[in-house]
Amino acid sequence: MTDSTPAPAPRRRPFADPRLLIGLLLVAASVAATVGIVAAADRRVQVYAAAGPLEPGQRIAASDLVARDVALDGSDSLYLGIGDVPRGGLVVTRAVAQGELVPASSVGRTSDVDATSLVLRLATRVSAAVRPGASIDVWSATPATAAAQLEGASADPPAVLVSGATVVRVIDDDQALTVDHEGSAVEVRLPRSRVARVLAAIAAGDDLSIVPQGLGLRAGS
């Protein structure tokens, strides 16, 4: 009689520990949340920066700009974005330094910009606040004639000829049209609708001055 040894019964694999499954799920959720937070914090957009200095009145195309990937925290609409430059280009209305992100408010469409530049000979020297890109008001003062002064009459008070003009450049003495004048010469950009008024004041011999916006002329000065 042959002894037969019964085959061992197959072992049942133990069920996975529920605590292990819960731990794996928590780790996966934590990783996914971290990735989501990092991605949300790094939402970069492409906007333009100036490839070189941009001056008021300059016409620019996309080739004058460079694309930059930046995180602007929802304020990307304040800057010139990729695709915002039309086929006909744009006109710079406010100075932008090289490498600076181009504010949308510093450029205008060529069809919308109705302005021109004039060189003004001023009665006085300009202040240090008058620099390219500065927003200024152009003032005119009519000097009293010799006869009016003898009669005790005073000149008319100064008046604003142009409000919100832009300084293009301050012309040095060696670049000025005449060197025997005590005042500065400044090139300004102003609306075409004001050109005739400024030229009339110049023809009348009025004294011109410019004041940076935000500063006022004191009475009697």
Protein backbone atom coordinates (compact mmCIF):
# COMPACT_ATOMS: atom_id res chain seq x y z
CA MET A 1 0.00 0.00 0.00
CA THR A 2 1.44 3.29 -1.12
CA ASP A 3 1.23 6.31 1.18
CA SER A 4 -0.09 9.36 -0.68
CA THR A 5 0.81 12.75 0.74
CA PRO A 6 -1.91 15.30 0.08
CA ALA A 7 -0.77 18.34 -1.94
CA PRO A 8 -0.57 21.53 0.10
CA ALA A 9 -3.49 23.86 -0.41
CA PRO A 10 -2.61 27.08 -2.31
CA ARG A 11 -2.05 30.06 -0.08
CA ARG A 12 -4.51 32.87 -0.34
CA ARG A 13 -2.96 36.24 -0.91
CA PRO A 14 -3.93 38.54 1.89
CA PHE A 15 -6.06 41.49 0.93
CA ALA A 16 -4.22 44.83 0.71
CA ASP A 17 -4.23 46.75 3.91
CA PRO A 18 -6.86 49.54 3.60
CA ARG A 19 -4.55 51.87 5.48
CA LEU A 20 -1.91 51.42 2.78
CA LEU A 21 -4.42 52.26 0.05
CA ILE A 22 -5.58 55.36 1.89
CA GLY A 23 -1.96 56.47 2.34
CA LEU A 24 -1.21 56.06 -1.37
CA LEU A 25 -4.31 58.04 -2.27
CA LEU A 26 -3.32 60.85 0.10
CA VAL A 27 0.19 61.00 -1.37
CA ALA A 28 -1.18 61.13 -4.94
CA ALA A 29 -3.66 63.87 -4.00
CA SER A 30 -0.90 65.88 -2.32
CA VAL A 31 1.35 65.64 -5.38
CA ALA A 32 -1.49 66.65 -7.72
CA ALA A 33 -2.38 69.63 -5.51
CA THR A 34 1.25 70.79 -5.38
CA VAL A 35 1.59 70.57 -9.15
CA GLY A 36 -1.65 72.53 -9.58
CA ILE A 37 -0.53 75.28 -7.20
CA VAL A 38 2.85 75.64 -8.93
CA ALA A 39 1.21 75.74 -12.35
CA ALA A 40 -1.30 78.36 -11.21
CA ALA A 41 1.45 80.51 -9.70
CA ASP A 42 3.51 80.33 -12.90
CA ARG A 43 0.90 81.44 -15.41
CA ARG A 44 3.18 83.35 -17.72
CA VAL A 45 2.07 85.39 -20.70
CA GLN A 46 3.97 86.77 -23.65
CA VAL A 47 4.19 90.54 -23.94
CA TYR A 48 6.48 92.87 -25.83
CA ALA A 49 9.51 94.71 -24.49
CA ALA A 50 11.39 97.45 -26.30
CA ALA A 51 14.36 96.16 -28.30
CA GLY A 52 15.82 99.68 -28.13
CA PRO A 53 14.83 103.09 -26.79
CA LEU A 54 11.42 104.16 -28.12
CA GLU A 55 10.82 107.90 -28.51
CA PRO A 56 7.50 109.74 -28.83
CA GLY A 57 6.44 110.06 -32.44
CA GLN A 58 8.49 107.03 -33.53
CA ARG A 59 6.72 104.50 -35.74
CA ILE A 60 7.39 100.92 -34.69
CA ALA A 61 6.70 97.42 -35.98
CA ALA A 62 6.97 94.02 -34.33
CA SER A 63 10.61 93.91 -35.45
CA ASP A 64 11.35 96.82 -33.06
CA LEU A 65 10.16 94.72 -30.12
CA VAL A 66 11.15 91.49 -28.38
CA ALA A 67 8.82 88.94 -26.78
CA ARG A 68 9.12 88.28 -23.07
CA ASP A 69 7.51 85.51 -20.99
CA VAL A 70 6.45 87.15 -17.74
CA ALA A 71 4.05 86.53 -14.86
CA LEU A 72 1.88 89.64 -14.54
CA ASP A 73 -0.74 88.35 -12.10
CA GLY A 74 -3.68 89.27 -14.33
CA SER A 75 -2.37 92.68 -15.38
CA ASP A 76 -1.24 91.55 -18.83
CA SER A 77 -3.91 93.75 -20.47
CA LEU A 78 -1.86 96.79 -19.38
CA TYR A 79 1.00 95.82 -21.69
CA LEU A 80 1.42 95.33 -25.42
CA GLY A 81 0.80 91.66 -26.09
CA ILE A 82 1.80 89.38 -28.92
CA GLY A 83 -0.61 90.01 -31.78
CA ASP A 84 -1.43 93.55 -30.67
CA VAL A 85 0.79 95.15 -33.32
CA PRO A 86 -1.26 95.78 -36.50
CA ARG A 87 0.12 95.40 -40.00
CA GLY A 88 0.60 99.17 -40.31
CA GLY A 89 2.59 99.37 -37.06
CA LEU A 90 2.10 101.68 -34.12
CA VAL A 91 3.19 105.17 -33.08
CA VAL A 92 4.97 105.73 -29.77
CA THR A 93 3.21 108.36 -27.64
CA ARG A 94 5.38 108.07 -24.53
CA ALA A 95 9.07 107.24 -24.15
CA VAL A 96 9.93 103.61 -23.35
CA ALA A 97 13.42 102.58 -22.26
CA GLN A 98 15.31 99.71 -23.84
CA GLY A 99 14.29 96.40 -22.27
CA GLU A 100 11.21 97.89 -20.59
CA LEU A 101 7.88 96.16 -21.06
CA VAL A 102 5.83 98.28 -23.45
CA PRO A 103 2.72 99.71 -21.74
CA ALA A 104 -0.35 99.61 -23.96
CA SER A 105 -0.92 103.27 -23.09
CA SER A 106 2.47 104.28 -24.55
CA VAL A 107 1.56 103.46 -28.15
CA GLY A 108 -1.27 104.32 -30.52
CA ARG A 109 -2.44 103.25 -33.93
CA THR A 110 -1.13 105.35 -36.78
CA SER A 111 -4.67 106.13 -37.86
CA ASP A 112 -5.63 107.32 -34.37
CA VAL A 113 -2.63 109.51 -33.59
CA ASP A 114 -3.32 113.02 -34.84
CA ALA A 115 -0.27 114.84 -33.57
CA THR A 116 2.84 116.58 -34.80
CA SER A 117 6.07 118.00 -33.43
CA LEU A 118 7.17 121.61 -33.05
CA VAL A 119 10.37 123.17 -31.76
CA LEU A 120 9.53 125.91 -29.27
CA ARG A 121 11.91 128.65 -28.23
CA LEU A 122 11.12 129.36 -24.59
CA ALA A 123 11.49 132.57 -22.63
CA THR A 124 13.36 130.81 -19.80
CA ARG A 125 15.46 127.74 -19.16
CA VAL A 126 13.58 124.51 -18.53
CA SER A 127 13.64 122.73 -15.18
CA ALA A 128 15.23 119.35 -14.55
CA ALA A 129 11.75 117.78 -14.61
CA VAL A 130 11.47 118.53 -18.33
CA ARG A 131 12.91 115.50 -20.08
CA PRO A 132 11.97 113.34 -23.08
CA GLY A 133 8.62 111.68 -22.51
CA ALA A 134 7.46 114.18 -19.87
CA SER A 135 3.88 115.39 -20.09
CA ILE A 136 3.73 119.19 -20.07
CA ASP A 137 1.50 122.21 -20.51
CA VAL A 138 2.56 124.99 -22.89
CA TRP A 139 1.88 128.47 -21.51
CA SER A 140 1.85 131.80 -23.32
CA ALA A 141 2.32 135.27 -21.84
CA THR A 142 1.87 138.50 -23.78
CA PRO A 143 4.51 141.04 -22.72
CA ALA A 144 3.23 144.55 -22.11
CA THR A 145 4.24 147.08 -24.74
CA ALA A 146 6.32 150.13 -23.80
CA ALA A 147 3.28 152.40 -24.28
CA ALA A 148 1.13 150.20 -22.06
CA GLN A 149 3.80 150.19 -19.37
CA LEU A 150 3.97 154.01 -19.44
CA GLU A 151 0.21 154.12 -18.96
CA GLY A 152 0.45 151.74 -16.03
CA ALA A 153 -1.32 148.94 -17.83
CA SER A 154 -0.27 145.37 -17.11
CA ALA A 155 0.10 142.50 -19.52
CA ASP A 156 -2.57 139.90 -19.93
CA PRO A 157 -2.22 136.98 -17.49
CA PRO A 158 -0.52 133.84 -18.81
CA ALA A 159 -2.77 131.29 -20.49
CA VAL A 160 -2.44 127.63 -21.39
CA LEU A 161 -1.99 127.11 -25.11
CA VAL A 162 -1.67 123.33 -25.04
CA SER A 163 -2.41 120.92 -22.22
CA GLY A 164 -0.89 117.46 -22.15
CA ALA A 165 1.84 117.91 -24.77
CA THR A 166 4.83 115.55 -24.70
CA VAL A 167 8.49 116.48 -24.63
CA VAL A 168 10.39 114.86 -27.50
CA ARG A 169 13.78 116.35 -26.69
CA VAL A 170 15.47 119.32 -25.04
CA ILE A 171 17.79 120.92 -27.58
CA ASP A 172 21.24 121.84 -26.29
CA ASP A 173 22.67 125.28 -26.93
CA ASP A 174 25.03 123.92 -29.59
CA GLN A 175 22.02 122.50 -31.44
CA ALA A 176 19.77 125.51 -31.05
CA LEU A 177 18.81 127.67 -33.97
CA THR A 178 20.16 130.77 -32.27
CA VAL A 179 22.69 130.87 -29.48
CA ASP A 180 22.10 134.39 -28.26
CA HIS A 181 18.76 133.57 -26.65
CA GLU A 182 18.57 133.08 -22.90
CA GLY A 183 15.81 130.46 -23.01
CA SER A 184 15.80 126.79 -23.91
CA ALA A 185 14.63 125.22 -27.13
CA VAL A 186 12.39 122.19 -26.72
CA GLU A 187 10.81 119.91 -29.27
CA VAL A 188 7.30 118.96 -28.19
CA ARG A 189 4.62 116.70 -29.62
CA LEU A 190 1.14 118.19 -29.56
CA PRO A 191 -2.26 117.75 -31.23
CA ARG A 192 -2.50 119.16 -34.74
CA SER A 193 -5.60 121.04 -33.67
CA ARG A 194 -3.39 123.24 -31.42
CA VAL A 195 -0.65 124.00 -33.95
CA ALA A 196 -2.32 127.11 -35.37
CA ARG A 197 -2.82 128.55 -31.89
CA VAL A 198 0.82 128.01 -30.96
CA LEU A 199 2.10 129.47 -34.22
CA ALA A 200 -0.13 132.52 -33.76
CA ALA A 201 1.34 133.11 -30.31
CA ILE A 202 4.86 132.81 -31.71
CA ALA A 203 4.04 135.25 -34.53
CA ALA A 204 2.64 137.70 -31.99
CA GLY A 205 5.89 137.64 -30.03
CA ASP A 206 4.41 136.00 -26.94
CA ASP A 207 6.74 134.50 -24.36
CA LEU A 208 6.35 130.72 -24.22
CA SER A 209 6.98 128.54 -21.19
CA ILE A 210 6.39 124.89 -20.42
CA VAL A 211 5.32 123.47 -17.07
CA PRO A 212 5.42 119.75 -16.21
CA GLN A 213 1.92 118.50 -15.52
CA GLY A 214 1.20 118.36 -11.83
CA LEU A 215 3.01 121.67 -11.27
CA GLY A 216 1.15 124.95 -11.44
CA LEU A 217 2.15 128.51 -12.13
CA ARG A 218 1.95 130.58 -8.97
CA ALA A 219 0.26 133.89 -9.21
CA GLY A 220 2.75 136.67 -9.72
CA SER A 221 5.57 134.34 -10.82
